[in-house]
């Protein structure tokens, strides 16, 4: 009888030790598990492949937006419509020329057929994003409505949506003023090849991503490079959907302020 009790105690002790080991190993795995950052693979027709690591810890809304659009095929067939040598290449607009509005229906099935923008995740907009605009860094293009009024800073900051740009050189002027959310880890040579395409003078000074130092540069490609596809590997992580905002209607604002149709306004070049 005593021998039987001893055996039962031994078995119970072994079970407790095994249970402690299983629980402990689970905590160890959880503590040491390294969550991989999402990797975007972009195929550009006649140029090659570019891989970009995305940084959700810096710009979670931006990364969620980019992943959702990319993996639904939004960027397939889009163009790099703005290229400034020794600065950046920019693409991803709806109409392929820096115009058009991305819609909630582009983000998800059953989404509203309404335009949206996302919060600008950078220091000027009270978001602690410390990713610098070095060569290869990927950022969100946005509009600058402060050319109409200094009171429109917030509207400018939150005007980004689908357009993105890739730096071809370091540029400290953009740090803290635009949302950086990724960096090229493979294919920077492809980015530089795109940078070398023939361009003509740009005329749109209100295009997303423009600023006073680059608004009148030679920047419109004669034959815009075409994005064949962008797909993002998330390694099993679900980054969800971004919080969408109602985009600022600058044309309506101009009409309300000045009583004129902005499309009829002719620039004097001053």
Protein backbone atom coordinates (compact mmCIF):
# COMPACT_ATOMS: atom_id res chain seq x y z
CA UNK A 1 0.00 0.00 0.00
CA UNK A 2 2.78 2.36 0.95
CA UNK A 3 4.59 1.49 -2.26
CA UNK A 4 1.48 2.33 -4.29
CA UNK A 5 1.16 5.73 -2.60
CA UNK A 6 4.79 6.49 -3.35
CA UNK A 7 4.26 5.65 -7.01
CA UNK A 8 1.22 7.94 -7.16
CA UNK A 9 3.18 10.79 -5.56
CA UNK A 10 6.04 10.27 -8.00
CA UNK A 11 3.65 10.33 -10.98
CA UNK A 12 1.96 13.46 -9.63
CA UNK A 13 5.33 15.13 -9.13
CA UNK A 14 6.37 14.27 -12.68
CA UNK A 15 3.12 15.68 -14.03
CA UNK A 16 3.63 18.91 -12.08
CA UNK A 17 7.20 19.23 -13.36
CA UNK A 18 6.05 18.60 -16.95
CA UNK A 19 3.26 21.16 -16.58
CA UNK A 20 5.65 23.76 -15.19
CA UNK A 21 8.02 23.05 -18.07
CA UNK A 22 5.30 23.44 -20.70
CA UNK A 23 4.02 26.69 -19.19
CA UNK A 24 7.55 28.02 -18.77
CA UNK A 25 8.47 27.16 -22.34
CA UNK A 26 5.34 28.92 -23.57
CA UNK A 27 6.31 32.09 -21.72
CA UNK A 28 9.87 31.77 -23.04
CA UNK A 29 8.64 31.46 -26.62
CA UNK A 30 6.36 34.45 -26.19
CA UNK A 31 9.14 36.53 -24.64
CA UNK A 32 11.71 35.63 -27.28
CA UNK A 33 9.43 35.56 -30.34
CA UNK A 34 10.60 38.10 -32.87
CA UNK A 35 7.74 39.49 -34.92
CA UNK A 36 9.01 40.15 -38.43
CA UNK A 37 8.23 43.46 -40.03
CA UNK A 38 6.09 43.23 -43.17
CA UNK A 39 7.99 43.12 -46.46
CA UNK A 40 6.53 44.72 -49.60
CA UNK A 41 7.67 43.37 -52.98
CA UNK A 42 7.19 45.75 -55.89
CA UNK A 43 7.59 44.67 -59.51
CA UNK A 44 8.19 47.53 -61.95
CA UNK A 45 7.78 46.77 -65.64
CA UNK A 46 11.08 46.74 -67.56
CA UNK A 47 13.02 47.78 -64.45
CA UNK A 48 12.98 44.99 -61.88
CA UNK A 49 12.07 44.13 -58.30
CA UNK A 50 12.22 46.36 -55.23
CA UNK A 51 11.71 45.03 -51.70
CA UNK A 52 10.73 47.39 -48.90
CA UNK A 53 10.60 46.71 -45.17
CA UNK A 54 7.66 48.47 -43.50
CA UNK A 55 7.75 49.86 -39.95
CA UNK A 56 4.37 49.66 -38.16
CA UNK A 57 5.97 50.77 -34.89
CA UNK A 58 6.67 54.15 -36.50
CA UNK A 59 3.53 54.64 -38.60
CA UNK A 60 0.86 52.02 -37.85
CA UNK A 61 -2.01 53.71 -39.72
CA UNK A 62 0.16 54.32 -42.77
CA UNK A 63 1.45 50.75 -42.86
CA UNK A 64 -2.05 49.30 -42.42
CA UNK A 65 -3.30 51.47 -45.28
CA UNK A 66 -0.44 50.52 -47.61
CA UNK A 67 -0.79 46.79 -46.88
CA UNK A 68 -4.56 46.82 -47.42
CA UNK A 69 -4.31 48.66 -50.74
CA UNK A 70 -1.34 46.66 -52.01
CA UNK A 71 -2.74 43.23 -51.20
CA UNK A 72 -6.04 44.10 -52.87
CA UNK A 73 -4.17 44.93 -56.08
CA UNK A 74 -4.74 48.68 -55.93
CA UNK A 75 -1.21 49.53 -57.07
CA UNK A 76 -1.19 47.10 -60.00
CA UNK A 77 -0.78 49.16 -63.16
CA UNK A 78 -0.20 52.44 -61.35
CA UNK A 79 2.68 54.69 -62.47
CA UNK A 80 5.59 56.70 -61.15
CA UNK A 81 4.30 60.07 -62.31
CA UNK A 82 6.82 62.35 -60.57
CA UNK A 83 10.59 61.81 -60.65
CA UNK A 84 13.17 64.26 -59.40
CA UNK A 85 16.76 63.17 -59.87
CA UNK A 86 18.84 63.21 -56.69
CA UNK A 87 15.65 63.55 -54.65
CA UNK A 88 12.89 60.94 -55.04
CA UNK A 89 10.52 58.95 -57.26
CA UNK A 90 6.77 59.20 -56.58
CA UNK A 91 3.84 57.07 -57.68
CA UNK A 92 0.64 55.30 -56.73
CA UNK A 93 -1.91 57.98 -57.64
CA UNK A 94 -5.36 56.87 -58.79
CA UNK A 95 -5.13 58.29 -62.31
CA UNK A 96 -1.40 57.78 -62.73
CA UNK A 97 -0.62 61.48 -63.00
CA UNK A 98 -0.90 62.71 -59.40
CA UNK A 99 -4.68 63.12 -59.52
CA UNK A 100 -7.69 61.14 -58.39
CA UNK A 101 -9.03 60.08 -55.01
CA UNK A 102 -8.60 56.66 -53.46
CA UNK A 103 -11.87 55.34 -51.97
CA UNK A 104 -12.85 53.29 -48.96
CA UNK A 105 -14.06 50.63 -51.39
CA UNK A 106 -10.41 50.25 -52.46
CA UNK A 107 -9.60 49.23 -48.88
CA UNK A 108 -12.25 46.59 -48.27
CA UNK A 109 -15.13 44.69 -49.78
CA UNK A 110 -18.39 46.51 -49.24
CA UNK A 111 -16.61 49.76 -48.41
CA UNK A 112 -18.25 53.06 -49.22
CA UNK A 113 -17.59 54.60 -52.61
CA UNK A 114 -16.21 57.68 -50.86
CA UNK A 115 -12.78 59.30 -50.91
CA UNK A 116 -10.67 59.15 -47.76
CA UNK A 117 -7.36 60.26 -46.32
CA UNK A 118 -5.34 59.12 -43.30
CA UNK A 119 -3.65 60.82 -40.39
CA UNK A 120 -0.17 62.10 -41.18
CA UNK A 121 2.14 60.20 -38.86
CA UNK A 122 5.05 62.58 -38.33
CA UNK A 123 6.37 64.97 -35.70
CA UNK A 124 4.69 68.12 -37.05
CA UNK A 125 1.38 66.31 -36.59
CA UNK A 126 2.18 65.23 -33.01
CA UNK A 127 3.17 61.67 -33.89
CA UNK A 128 6.53 60.40 -32.66
CA UNK A 129 7.89 58.98 -35.89
CA UNK A 130 11.68 59.27 -35.86
CA UNK A 131 12.41 57.51 -39.15
CA UNK A 132 14.64 59.83 -41.17
CA UNK A 133 14.35 60.43 -44.89
CA UNK A 134 17.60 58.80 -45.88
CA UNK A 135 18.24 57.16 -49.24
CA UNK A 136 15.76 54.36 -49.81
CA UNK A 137 13.23 55.49 -47.22
CA UNK A 138 9.58 55.31 -48.29
CA UNK A 139 7.20 58.15 -47.41
CA UNK A 140 3.61 59.24 -47.90
CA UNK A 141 2.95 62.02 -50.38
CA UNK A 142 0.54 64.73 -49.28
CA UNK A 143 -0.76 68.14 -50.34
CA UNK A 144 0.37 71.50 -49.00
CA UNK A 145 -2.67 73.74 -48.64
CA UNK A 146 -0.76 76.34 -46.63
CA UNK A 147 0.01 78.04 -49.94
CA UNK A 148 -3.62 79.20 -49.77
CA UNK A 149 -3.72 79.92 -46.03
CA UNK A 150 -1.40 79.28 -43.08
CA UNK A 151 -4.50 78.11 -41.19
CA UNK A 152 -4.68 74.98 -43.34
CA UNK A 153 -1.70 73.17 -41.80
CA UNK A 154 -3.76 70.38 -40.21
CA UNK A 155 -5.67 69.81 -43.43
CA UNK A 156 -2.33 69.53 -45.24
CA UNK A 157 -0.87 67.12 -42.70
CA UNK A 158 -3.84 64.74 -42.97
CA UNK A 159 -4.20 64.78 -46.77
CA UNK A 160 -2.13 61.69 -47.62
CA UNK A 161 -3.70 58.45 -48.81
CA UNK A 162 -2.35 56.21 -51.57
CA UNK A 163 0.60 58.08 -53.11
CA UNK A 164 4.08 57.21 -51.91
CA UNK A 165 7.63 58.21 -52.73
CA UNK A 166 11.06 56.62 -52.38
CA UNK A 167 14.09 58.73 -51.57
CA UNK A 168 17.04 58.46 -53.97
CA UNK A 169 19.28 60.53 -51.70
CA UNK A 170 19.27 61.64 -48.05
CA UNK A 171 17.10 64.70 -47.46
CA UNK A 172 16.91 66.27 -44.00
CA UNK A 173 14.36 68.88 -45.14
CA UNK A 174 11.56 66.31 -45.04
CA UNK A 175 12.28 64.95 -41.56
CA UNK A 176 9.33 65.49 -39.26
CA UNK A 177 7.19 67.00 -42.01
CA UNK A 178 6.14 63.86 -43.91
CA UNK A 179 5.28 60.32 -42.83
CA UNK A 180 8.14 57.87 -43.39
CA UNK A 181 6.96 54.27 -43.10
CA UNK A 182 9.42 51.94 -44.80
CA UNK A 183 12.80 51.48 -46.44
CA UNK A 184 14.17 49.69 -49.49
CA UNK A 185 16.14 46.60 -48.45
CA UNK A 186 16.65 45.13 -51.93
CA UNK A 187 16.61 46.72 -55.38
CA UNK A 188 17.93 50.19 -54.69
CA UNK A 189 19.67 49.88 -58.05
CA UNK A 190 16.22 49.57 -59.64
CA UNK A 191 15.09 52.75 -57.88
CA UNK A 192 18.12 54.60 -59.24
CA UNK A 193 17.39 53.30 -62.76
CA UNK A 194 13.86 54.68 -62.50
CA UNK A 195 15.37 57.96 -61.32
CA UNK A 196 17.26 58.25 -64.61
CA UNK A 197 14.26 58.22 -66.97
CA UNK A 198 13.67 61.22 -69.19
CA UNK A 199 11.46 63.88 -67.63
CA UNK A 200 9.90 67.19 -68.62
CA UNK A 201 8.94 70.22 -66.56
CA UNK A 202 6.14 69.70 -64.07
CA UNK A 203 3.38 72.30 -63.78
CA UNK A 204 1.22 71.07 -60.88
CA UNK A 205 2.32 72.92 -57.78
CA UNK A 206 -0.39 71.39 -55.60
CA UNK A 207 0.46 67.75 -56.25
CA UNK A 208 0.74 65.57 -53.17
CA UNK A 209 4.24 65.65 -51.81
CA UNK A 210 5.18 68.96 -53.39
CA UNK A 211 6.79 71.76 -51.43
CA UNK A 212 8.17 75.21 -52.17
CA UNK A 213 11.61 73.87 -53.05
CA UNK A 214 10.44 71.26 -55.56
CA UNK A 215 7.11 72.48 -56.98
CA UNK A 216 8.49 73.77 -60.30
CA UNK A 217 11.21 71.20 -60.92
CA UNK A 218 11.61 69.07 -64.02
CA UNK A 219 9.70 66.05 -62.80
CA UNK A 220 7.15 64.56 -65.23
CA UNK A 221 8.37 61.35 -66.93
CA UNK A 222 8.02 61.24 -70.69
CA UNK A 223 7.26 57.50 -70.36
CA UNK A 224 6.15 56.93 -66.76
CA UNK A 225 7.45 53.64 -65.29
CA UNK A 226 4.58 51.24 -64.56
CA UNK A 227 4.17 49.33 -61.30
CA UNK A 228 3.26 45.80 -62.31
CA UNK A 229 2.33 44.83 -58.76
CA UNK A 230 2.95 45.38 -55.05
CA UNK A 231 2.26 42.62 -52.54
CA UNK A 232 3.09 42.59 -48.84
CA UNK A 233 4.16 39.56 -46.80
CA UNK A 234 2.90 40.06 -43.23
CA UNK A 235 4.18 36.76 -41.76
CA UNK A 236 0.80 35.96 -40.28
CA UNK A 237 0.29 39.30 -38.57
CA UNK A 238 -3.01 41.12 -39.13
CA UNK A 239 -2.42 44.87 -39.36
CA UNK A 240 -6.09 45.62 -39.85
CA UNK A 241 -7.40 48.68 -41.64
CA UNK A 242 -6.46 52.31 -41.08
CA UNK A 243 -8.71 54.84 -39.46
CA UNK A 244 -10.01 56.86 -42.39
CA UNK A 245 -10.63 60.61 -42.43
CA UNK A 246 -12.81 62.80 -44.61
CA UNK A 247 -10.41 64.54 -47.01
CA UNK A 248 -10.27 68.31 -47.18
CA UNK A 249 -12.01 69.76 -50.24
CA UNK A 250 -9.68 72.59 -51.23
CA UNK A 251 -11.74 73.54 -54.29
CA UNK A 252 -14.83 74.06 -52.16
CA UNK A 253 -12.76 76.04 -49.63
CA UNK A 254 -11.47 78.36 -52.36
CA UNK A 255 -14.98 78.86 -53.68
CA UNK A 256 -16.29 79.69 -50.20
CA UNK A 257 -13.42 82.09 -49.53
CA UNK A 258 -13.28 83.91 -52.87
CA UNK A 259 -16.54 83.08 -54.62
CA UNK A 260 -14.77 81.79 -57.71
CA UNK A 261 -14.41 78.40 -59.32
CA UNK A 262 -10.79 77.33 -58.61
CA UNK A 263 -10.64 75.62 -61.99
CA UNK A 264 -11.09 79.03 -63.62
CA UNK A 265 -8.22 80.59 -61.70
CA UNK A 266 -5.19 81.28 -63.91
CA UNK A 267 -1.76 81.28 -62.31
CA UNK A 268 0.29 84.40 -62.96
CA UNK A 269 3.51 82.54 -62.22
CA UNK A 270 4.36 84.94 -59.42
